[in-house]
């Protein structure tokens, strides 16, 4: 894997910048949704895991950060086959990407350190939030993709 400045910056914010210190906090604090308004009734475990592992980049309303981190709300990839998004979470994503007619080119680091159940809970939460309507993801689904390993390009 080629280490680029964008990967270093992303990893820095992922590991060292907390929500209070995040440089976009002033801009994003005007969002209409608060963390407490997230869909907590559907997937409470997935909601808490999303807050811990995904919120910083993809935001509390699932709309991401324009030009940096793609939205999860209204994203066709989220509503598509679960195996596609399981692969992204497990093995990361690097390179240009177009979502909802907008271009993104920030890497997503692999999250393979999460358990199959944690990934399933997060993805089930995402697939049932912000207007997304897709089937739940099971730990068995994640385990099957994990066993197949990272696809060769």
Protein backbone atom coordinates (compact mmCIF):
# COMPACT_ATOMS: atom_id res chain seq x y z
CA UNK A 1 0.00 0.00 0.00
CA UNK A 2 1.35 3.38 -0.96
CA UNK A 3 1.36 5.86 1.96
CA UNK A 4 0.17 9.25 0.79
CA UNK A 5 -0.32 12.53 2.62
CA UNK A 6 -4.09 12.01 2.56
CA UNK A 7 -3.70 8.63 4.30
CA UNK A 8 -1.46 10.17 6.97
CA UNK A 9 -3.94 13.03 7.55
CA UNK A 10 -6.89 10.62 7.69
CA UNK A 11 -5.13 8.34 10.16
CA UNK A 12 -4.08 11.30 12.29
CA UNK A 13 -7.68 12.50 12.63
CA UNK A 14 -8.93 8.96 13.11
CA UNK A 15 -6.57 8.18 15.99
CA UNK A 16 -5.75 11.53 17.60
CA UNK A 17 -8.47 14.10 16.96
CA UNK A 18 -11.50 13.75 19.19
CA UNK A 19 -14.86 15.34 18.40
CA UNK A 20 -14.04 18.38 20.55
CA UNK A 21 -10.73 19.02 18.77
CA UNK A 22 -11.98 18.24 15.26
CA UNK A 23 -11.28 21.19 12.90
CA UNK A 24 -14.71 20.97 11.27
CA UNK A 25 -16.66 21.10 14.54
CA UNK A 26 -17.61 24.77 14.20
CA UNK A 27 -18.90 24.22 10.68
CA UNK A 28 -20.68 20.95 11.42
CA UNK A 29 -22.17 22.00 14.75
CA UNK A 30 -24.96 23.70 12.83
CA UNK A 31 -26.30 20.36 11.60
CA UNK A 32 -30.02 19.85 12.19
CA UNK A 33 -29.52 16.39 13.69
CA UNK A 34 -27.77 15.71 16.94
CA UNK A 35 -26.18 12.44 17.95
CA UNK A 36 -29.06 11.86 20.34
CA UNK A 37 -31.47 12.01 17.40
CA UNK A 38 -29.83 9.10 15.62
CA UNK A 39 -32.12 6.14 15.01
CA UNK A 40 -31.60 4.42 18.35
CA UNK A 41 -34.71 2.26 18.37
CA UNK A 42 -33.84 0.12 15.32
CA UNK A 43 -30.23 -0.82 16.03
CA UNK A 44 -29.08 0.40 19.44
CA UNK A 45 -25.83 -1.61 19.34
CA UNK A 46 -25.13 -0.48 15.79
CA UNK A 47 -25.89 3.11 16.72
CA UNK A 48 -23.35 3.16 19.55
CA UNK A 49 -20.72 1.45 17.40
CA UNK A 50 -21.40 3.91 14.57
CA UNK A 51 -20.85 6.81 16.97
CA UNK A 52 -17.55 5.31 18.13
CA UNK A 53 -16.11 4.18 14.78
CA UNK A 54 -17.82 6.04 11.91
CA UNK A 55 -19.35 9.33 13.05
CA UNK A 56 -16.19 11.41 12.84
CA UNK A 57 -15.96 11.00 9.06
CA UNK A 58 -19.53 10.19 7.99
CA UNK A 59 -21.23 12.53 10.51
CA UNK A 60 -24.33 12.17 12.66
CA UNK A 61 -26.71 12.66 9.74
CA UNK A 62 -24.89 10.20 7.46
CA UNK A 63 -24.15 12.95 4.95
CA UNK A 64 -20.36 12.75 5.31
CA UNK A 65 -18.14 15.75 4.65
CA UNK A 66 -18.55 17.17 1.18
CA UNK A 67 -15.50 16.55 -0.98
CA UNK A 68 -13.77 14.49 1.72
CA UNK A 69 -15.85 11.66 3.16
CA UNK A 70 -18.81 10.29 1.16
CA UNK A 71 -22.36 10.22 2.46
CA UNK A 72 -23.93 7.02 3.68
CA UNK A 73 -27.43 8.53 3.44
CA UNK A 74 -28.93 7.95 0.02
CA UNK A 75 -25.83 6.09 -1.15
CA UNK A 76 -26.71 3.34 -3.66
CA UNK A 77 -23.73 1.25 -2.48
CA UNK A 78 -25.30 1.10 1.01
CA UNK A 79 -28.60 -0.10 -0.41
CA UNK A 80 -26.92 -2.61 -2.74
CA UNK A 81 -25.51 -6.06 -2.01
CA UNK A 82 -24.26 -6.29 1.57
CA UNK A 83 -21.07 -8.02 0.45
CA UNK A 84 -19.90 -4.82 -1.27
CA UNK A 85 -20.03 -2.69 1.87
CA UNK A 86 -18.74 -5.51 4.07
CA UNK A 87 -15.63 -5.62 1.85
CA UNK A 88 -15.19 -1.86 2.16
CA UNK A 89 -15.40 -1.95 5.95
CA UNK A 90 -13.14 -5.00 6.31
CA UNK A 91 -10.49 -4.14 3.74
CA UNK A 92 -10.76 -0.37 3.36
CA UNK A 93 -11.05 1.66 0.21
CA UNK A 94 -8.46 3.71 -1.62
CA UNK A 95 -8.74 5.74 -4.79
CA UNK A 96 -11.31 7.94 -6.45
CA UNK A 97 -14.99 7.31 -5.82
CA UNK A 98 -18.17 9.01 -7.05
CA UNK A 99 -21.22 9.05 -4.76
CA UNK A 100 -24.41 10.92 -5.61
CA UNK A 101 -22.61 12.68 -8.49
CA UNK A 102 -19.81 13.98 -6.23
CA UNK A 103 -16.18 12.90 -6.32
CA UNK A 104 -14.26 11.71 -3.26
CA UNK A 105 -10.67 10.57 -2.97
CA UNK A 106 -9.94 10.08 0.74
CA UNK A 107 -8.89 6.59 1.78
CA UNK A 108 -10.99 4.63 4.22
CA UNK A 109 -8.75 2.56 6.48
CA UNK A 110 -9.66 -1.10 6.95
CA UNK A 111 -11.72 -1.84 10.05
CA UNK A 112 -10.90 -5.57 10.23
CA UNK A 113 -10.07 -5.21 13.93
CA UNK A 114 -13.84 -5.07 14.59
CA UNK A 115 -15.62 -8.37 15.21
CA UNK A 116 -18.02 -9.83 12.66
CA UNK A 117 -20.94 -8.95 14.96
CA UNK A 118 -19.77 -5.36 15.42
CA UNK A 119 -19.45 -4.85 11.66
CA UNK A 120 -22.85 -6.49 11.11
CA UNK A 121 -24.45 -4.22 13.73
CA UNK A 122 -22.89 -1.07 12.27
CA UNK A 123 -23.87 -1.94 8.70
CA UNK A 124 -27.40 -2.96 9.72
CA UNK A 125 -27.75 0.37 11.49
CA UNK A 126 -26.49 2.30 8.44
CA UNK A 127 -28.70 0.29 6.05
CA UNK A 128 -31.80 1.24 8.10
CA UNK A 129 -30.98 4.91 8.84
CA UNK A 130 -31.29 8.27 7.05
CA UNK A 131 -33.85 6.97 4.57
CA UNK A 132 -31.85 3.87 3.65
CA UNK A 133 -33.98 0.75 3.47
CA UNK A 134 -31.95 -2.40 3.02
CA UNK A 135 -31.76 -5.80 4.66
CA UNK A 136 -29.87 -6.45 7.87
CA UNK A 137 -26.33 -7.74 7.77
CA UNK A 138 -25.52 -10.76 9.90
CA UNK A 139 -22.29 -11.75 11.58
CA UNK A 140 -22.30 -14.83 9.33
CA UNK A 141 -22.40 -12.54 6.25
CA UNK A 142 -19.35 -10.66 7.54
CA UNK A 143 -17.56 -13.89 8.46
CA UNK A 144 -18.06 -15.28 4.97
CA UNK A 145 -16.57 -12.18 3.36
CA UNK A 146 -13.70 -12.14 5.87
CA UNK A 147 -12.87 -15.79 5.00
CA UNK A 148 -12.71 -14.95 1.29
CA UNK A 149 -10.08 -12.33 2.05
CA UNK A 150 -9.27 -9.09 0.29
CA UNK A 151 -10.17 -9.20 -3.39
CA UNK A 152 -7.22 -9.00 -5.78
CA UNK A 153 -7.35 -6.01 -8.11
